[in-house]
Structures are given as C-alpha cells and as structure tokens.
N, C-alpha and C. Protein backbone atom coordinates (compact mmCIF):
# COMPACT_ATOMS: atom_id res chain seq x y z
N MET A 1 29.67 42.21 -32.84
CA MET A 1 29.27 41.46 -34.00
C MET A 1 30.40 40.48 -34.35
N ASN A 2 30.06 39.26 -34.72
CA ASN A 2 31.03 38.28 -35.19
C ASN A 2 31.15 38.40 -36.71
N ILE A 3 32.37 38.54 -37.20
CA ILE A 3 32.62 38.69 -38.63
C ILE A 3 33.65 37.66 -39.04
N LEU A 4 33.32 36.87 -40.06
CA LEU A 4 34.22 35.84 -40.55
C LEU A 4 34.53 36.10 -42.02
N PHE A 5 35.81 36.20 -42.34
CA PHE A 5 36.27 36.33 -43.72
C PHE A 5 36.84 34.98 -44.14
N ILE A 6 36.34 34.44 -45.24
CA ILE A 6 36.89 33.21 -45.81
C ILE A 6 37.37 33.55 -47.20
N HIS A 7 38.67 33.39 -47.42
CA HIS A 7 39.26 33.71 -48.72
C HIS A 7 40.54 32.91 -48.85
N GLN A 8 40.68 32.17 -49.94
CA GLN A 8 41.86 31.30 -50.07
C GLN A 8 43.15 32.08 -50.04
N ASN A 9 43.16 33.32 -50.49
CA ASN A 9 44.37 34.13 -50.49
C ASN A 9 44.27 35.30 -49.52
N PHE A 10 43.59 35.06 -48.39
CA PHE A 10 43.45 36.15 -47.43
C PHE A 10 44.83 36.66 -47.03
N PRO A 11 45.04 37.98 -46.95
CA PRO A 11 44.03 39.01 -46.87
C PRO A 11 43.47 39.47 -48.22
N GLY A 12 44.21 39.28 -49.30
CA GLY A 12 43.67 39.70 -50.59
C GLY A 12 43.09 41.09 -50.51
N GLN A 13 41.91 41.26 -51.08
CA GLN A 13 41.27 42.58 -51.08
C GLN A 13 40.54 42.90 -49.78
N PHE A 14 40.56 41.97 -48.82
CA PHE A 14 39.79 42.16 -47.59
C PHE A 14 40.63 42.57 -46.38
N GLY A 15 41.92 42.65 -46.52
CA GLY A 15 42.79 42.95 -45.39
C GLY A 15 42.47 44.26 -44.70
N LYS A 16 42.36 45.31 -45.46
CA LYS A 16 42.09 46.64 -44.88
C LYS A 16 40.71 46.67 -44.22
N LEU A 17 39.73 46.01 -44.85
CA LEU A 17 38.39 45.98 -44.27
C LEU A 17 38.39 45.23 -42.94
N ALA A 18 39.06 44.09 -42.90
CA ALA A 18 39.14 43.33 -41.65
C ALA A 18 39.82 44.15 -40.55
N GLU A 19 40.90 44.82 -40.92
CA GLU A 19 41.62 45.65 -39.96
C GLU A 19 40.74 46.78 -39.44
N LYS A 20 39.99 47.42 -40.33
CA LYS A 20 39.11 48.52 -39.94
C LYS A 20 37.97 48.04 -39.03
N LEU A 21 37.38 46.90 -39.37
CA LEU A 21 36.30 46.35 -38.54
C LEU A 21 36.81 45.95 -37.16
N ALA A 22 38.05 45.50 -37.08
CA ALA A 22 38.62 45.07 -35.80
C ALA A 22 38.92 46.25 -34.88
N GLU A 23 38.97 47.45 -35.42
CA GLU A 23 39.20 48.64 -34.58
C GLU A 23 38.06 48.83 -33.58
N ASN A 24 36.86 48.40 -33.93
CA ASN A 24 35.72 48.48 -33.03
C ASN A 24 35.78 47.29 -32.08
N SER A 25 35.95 47.55 -30.81
CA SER A 25 36.14 46.48 -29.83
C SER A 25 34.90 45.59 -29.68
N GLU A 26 33.76 46.03 -30.19
CA GLU A 26 32.55 45.21 -30.12
C GLU A 26 32.55 44.12 -31.20
N ASN A 27 33.43 44.24 -32.18
CA ASN A 27 33.51 43.27 -33.27
C ASN A 27 34.54 42.19 -32.95
N ARG A 28 34.21 40.98 -33.32
CA ARG A 28 35.16 39.86 -33.26
C ARG A 28 35.42 39.46 -34.71
N VAL A 29 36.63 39.74 -35.18
CA VAL A 29 36.98 39.50 -36.57
C VAL A 29 37.86 38.26 -36.67
N VAL A 30 37.41 37.29 -37.45
CA VAL A 30 38.12 36.04 -37.65
C VAL A 30 38.33 35.85 -39.14
N THR A 31 39.52 35.38 -39.52
CA THR A 31 39.79 35.13 -40.93
C THR A 31 40.16 33.67 -41.12
N LEU A 32 39.87 33.15 -42.30
CA LEU A 32 40.21 31.78 -42.65
C LEU A 32 40.73 31.77 -44.08
N GLY A 33 41.98 31.38 -44.23
CA GLY A 33 42.61 31.36 -45.55
C GLY A 33 43.44 30.10 -45.73
N GLU A 34 43.89 29.91 -46.94
CA GLU A 34 44.72 28.74 -47.25
C GLU A 34 46.12 28.92 -46.69
N LYS A 35 46.60 27.88 -46.02
CA LYS A 35 47.92 27.94 -45.39
C LYS A 35 49.02 28.01 -46.45
N LYS A 36 49.88 29.01 -46.28
CA LYS A 36 51.04 29.16 -47.16
C LYS A 36 52.24 29.46 -46.28
N LYS A 37 53.43 29.12 -46.74
CA LYS A 37 54.63 29.35 -45.95
C LYS A 37 54.76 30.83 -45.59
N ASN A 38 55.09 31.07 -44.34
CA ASN A 38 55.37 32.43 -43.83
C ASN A 38 54.24 33.41 -44.07
N LYS A 39 53.02 32.95 -44.16
CA LYS A 39 51.90 33.85 -44.41
C LYS A 39 51.09 34.01 -43.14
N ARG A 40 51.06 35.20 -42.62
CA ARG A 40 50.27 35.52 -41.44
C ARG A 40 49.70 36.92 -41.61
N PHE A 41 48.54 37.13 -41.02
CA PHE A 41 47.91 38.45 -41.04
C PHE A 41 47.79 38.88 -39.59
N ARG A 42 48.87 39.36 -39.05
CA ARG A 42 48.89 39.73 -37.63
C ARG A 42 48.53 41.20 -37.49
N LYS A 43 47.28 41.42 -37.20
CA LYS A 43 46.78 42.77 -36.96
C LYS A 43 46.02 42.75 -35.65
N PRO A 44 46.08 43.84 -34.88
CA PRO A 44 45.36 43.87 -33.60
C PRO A 44 43.87 43.61 -33.78
N GLY A 45 43.34 42.71 -32.97
CA GLY A 45 41.91 42.44 -32.99
C GLY A 45 41.45 41.46 -34.05
N VAL A 46 42.36 40.97 -34.89
CA VAL A 46 42.00 40.02 -35.94
C VAL A 46 42.61 38.66 -35.59
N ILE A 47 41.76 37.65 -35.55
CA ILE A 47 42.20 36.28 -35.26
C ILE A 47 42.29 35.55 -36.59
N ASP A 48 43.47 35.05 -36.93
CA ASP A 48 43.60 34.38 -38.22
C ASP A 48 43.80 32.88 -38.07
N TYR A 49 43.07 32.14 -38.89
CA TYR A 49 43.15 30.69 -38.96
C TYR A 49 43.45 30.30 -40.40
N TRP A 50 44.03 29.11 -40.55
CA TRP A 50 44.43 28.65 -41.88
C TRP A 50 44.02 27.21 -42.07
N TYR A 51 43.59 26.89 -43.28
CA TYR A 51 43.29 25.50 -43.60
C TYR A 51 44.37 24.97 -44.54
N GLU A 52 44.50 23.65 -44.56
CA GLU A 52 45.54 23.03 -45.39
C GLU A 52 45.21 23.18 -46.88
N LYS A 53 46.26 23.35 -47.65
CA LYS A 53 46.09 23.43 -49.10
C LYS A 53 45.54 22.09 -49.60
N PRO A 54 44.51 22.11 -50.46
CA PRO A 54 43.94 20.85 -50.91
C PRO A 54 44.92 20.05 -51.76
N SER A 55 44.74 18.74 -51.74
CA SER A 55 45.60 17.89 -52.56
C SER A 55 45.33 18.14 -54.04
N ILE A 56 46.32 17.86 -54.84
CA ILE A 56 46.23 18.08 -56.29
C ILE A 56 45.37 16.99 -56.92
N SER A 57 44.60 17.38 -57.94
CA SER A 57 43.82 16.40 -58.69
C SER A 57 44.77 15.42 -59.36
N SER A 58 44.34 14.19 -59.45
CA SER A 58 45.19 13.18 -60.09
C SER A 58 45.20 13.38 -61.61
N SER A 59 46.18 12.83 -62.25
CA SER A 59 46.27 12.96 -63.70
C SER A 59 45.15 12.18 -64.39
N ASP A 60 44.46 11.30 -63.63
CA ASP A 60 43.33 10.56 -64.18
C ASP A 60 42.08 11.43 -64.30
N THR A 61 42.07 12.55 -63.60
CA THR A 61 40.92 13.46 -63.66
C THR A 61 40.92 14.16 -65.02
N HIS A 62 39.77 14.20 -65.65
CA HIS A 62 39.66 14.84 -66.96
C HIS A 62 40.11 16.30 -66.85
N ALA A 63 40.81 16.77 -67.84
CA ALA A 63 41.37 18.13 -67.83
C ALA A 63 40.30 19.19 -67.58
N TYR A 64 39.10 19.01 -68.11
CA TYR A 64 38.03 20.00 -67.94
C TYR A 64 37.51 20.02 -66.50
N LEU A 65 37.74 18.95 -65.75
CA LEU A 65 37.20 18.86 -64.40
C LEU A 65 38.23 19.15 -63.31
N ARG A 66 39.47 19.36 -63.66
CA ARG A 66 40.52 19.54 -62.64
C ARG A 66 40.28 20.76 -61.76
N LEU A 67 39.90 21.87 -62.36
CA LEU A 67 39.64 23.07 -61.56
C LEU A 67 38.47 22.83 -60.61
N MET A 68 37.40 22.23 -61.12
CA MET A 68 36.25 21.94 -60.26
C MET A 68 36.65 20.98 -59.14
N ASP A 69 37.43 19.96 -59.47
CA ASP A 69 37.89 19.00 -58.46
C ASP A 69 38.71 19.70 -57.38
N THR A 70 39.62 20.57 -57.79
CA THR A 70 40.43 21.33 -56.83
C THR A 70 39.56 22.19 -55.93
N ASN A 71 38.55 22.84 -56.52
CA ASN A 71 37.68 23.70 -55.73
C ASN A 71 36.80 22.90 -54.76
N VAL A 72 36.37 21.71 -55.16
CA VAL A 72 35.62 20.86 -54.24
C VAL A 72 36.52 20.44 -53.09
N ARG A 73 37.76 20.07 -53.39
CA ARG A 73 38.70 19.70 -52.34
C ARG A 73 38.97 20.87 -51.40
N ARG A 74 39.07 22.08 -51.95
CA ARG A 74 39.27 23.28 -51.12
C ARG A 74 38.06 23.48 -50.22
N GLY A 75 36.87 23.31 -50.76
CA GLY A 75 35.64 23.43 -49.96
C GLY A 75 35.61 22.44 -48.81
N GLN A 76 36.10 21.23 -49.05
CA GLN A 76 36.16 20.23 -47.99
C GLN A 76 37.12 20.67 -46.88
N GLU A 77 38.26 21.24 -47.25
CA GLU A 77 39.22 21.72 -46.26
C GLU A 77 38.63 22.87 -45.44
N VAL A 78 37.92 23.77 -46.11
CA VAL A 78 37.28 24.89 -45.41
C VAL A 78 36.24 24.35 -44.43
N TYR A 79 35.45 23.38 -44.87
CA TYR A 79 34.44 22.78 -43.99
C TYR A 79 35.09 22.18 -42.75
N ARG A 80 36.17 21.43 -42.95
CA ARG A 80 36.87 20.83 -41.81
C ARG A 80 37.39 21.90 -40.85
N ALA A 81 37.94 22.96 -41.40
CA ALA A 81 38.47 24.05 -40.57
C ALA A 81 37.35 24.74 -39.80
N LEU A 82 36.22 24.96 -40.45
CA LEU A 82 35.10 25.62 -39.78
C LEU A 82 34.54 24.73 -38.66
N ARG A 83 34.48 23.43 -38.89
CA ARG A 83 34.03 22.52 -37.82
C ARG A 83 34.97 22.58 -36.63
N ALA A 84 36.28 22.64 -36.90
CA ALA A 84 37.25 22.74 -35.81
C ALA A 84 37.10 24.07 -35.07
N LEU A 85 36.86 25.14 -35.81
CA LEU A 85 36.67 26.46 -35.17
C LEU A 85 35.44 26.46 -34.28
N ARG A 86 34.41 25.79 -34.71
CA ARG A 86 33.17 25.76 -33.95
C ARG A 86 33.36 25.10 -32.59
N LYS A 87 34.24 24.11 -32.55
CA LYS A 87 34.53 23.43 -31.28
C LYS A 87 35.33 24.36 -30.39
C-alpha cells in the first residue's frame, strides 16, 4: 500500500504511525513536510521529502487575511512538491 503523510511540521503527531506502517515491507511510506534547518525523519522504510517554506505575506496584505494568504502559499508549495514527486 502507498501511504503519504503531508504535514507542515512532520513528524508531529504522525511520526510513530509512519514508523509503524513502514515496518510492513508491503507498505511504501512517504512523508512531505515543510523544510526546516537540520530537520530529518530518518527511519527505516520511510522516505521523507520537504517543500520550501512559503514566502511571508507582504505588509500590504490586510491583517485578517495574512494567515489565509500564508496557508494558500503553503498549499502552492505542497502542490509543487507533489508534482515533482509524481515525476
């Protein structure tokens, strides 16, 4: 079975689950998280990929929309990473 974990702060609450699922050699476990310095999830059977941290919203963005803008930018980075993984 192919299993993909997408979480900006991977491993977060999913690390142990990913590790447990990877114990079964029939599973292919892949993770995708936001790239941070010195952050790796090196566990046997788990393939980890990272996407670039999204750019910061400009100061021109309305304060109420900054979080939404950041999350849209994060979604775009995840999309780009998933397209690259597919290739």
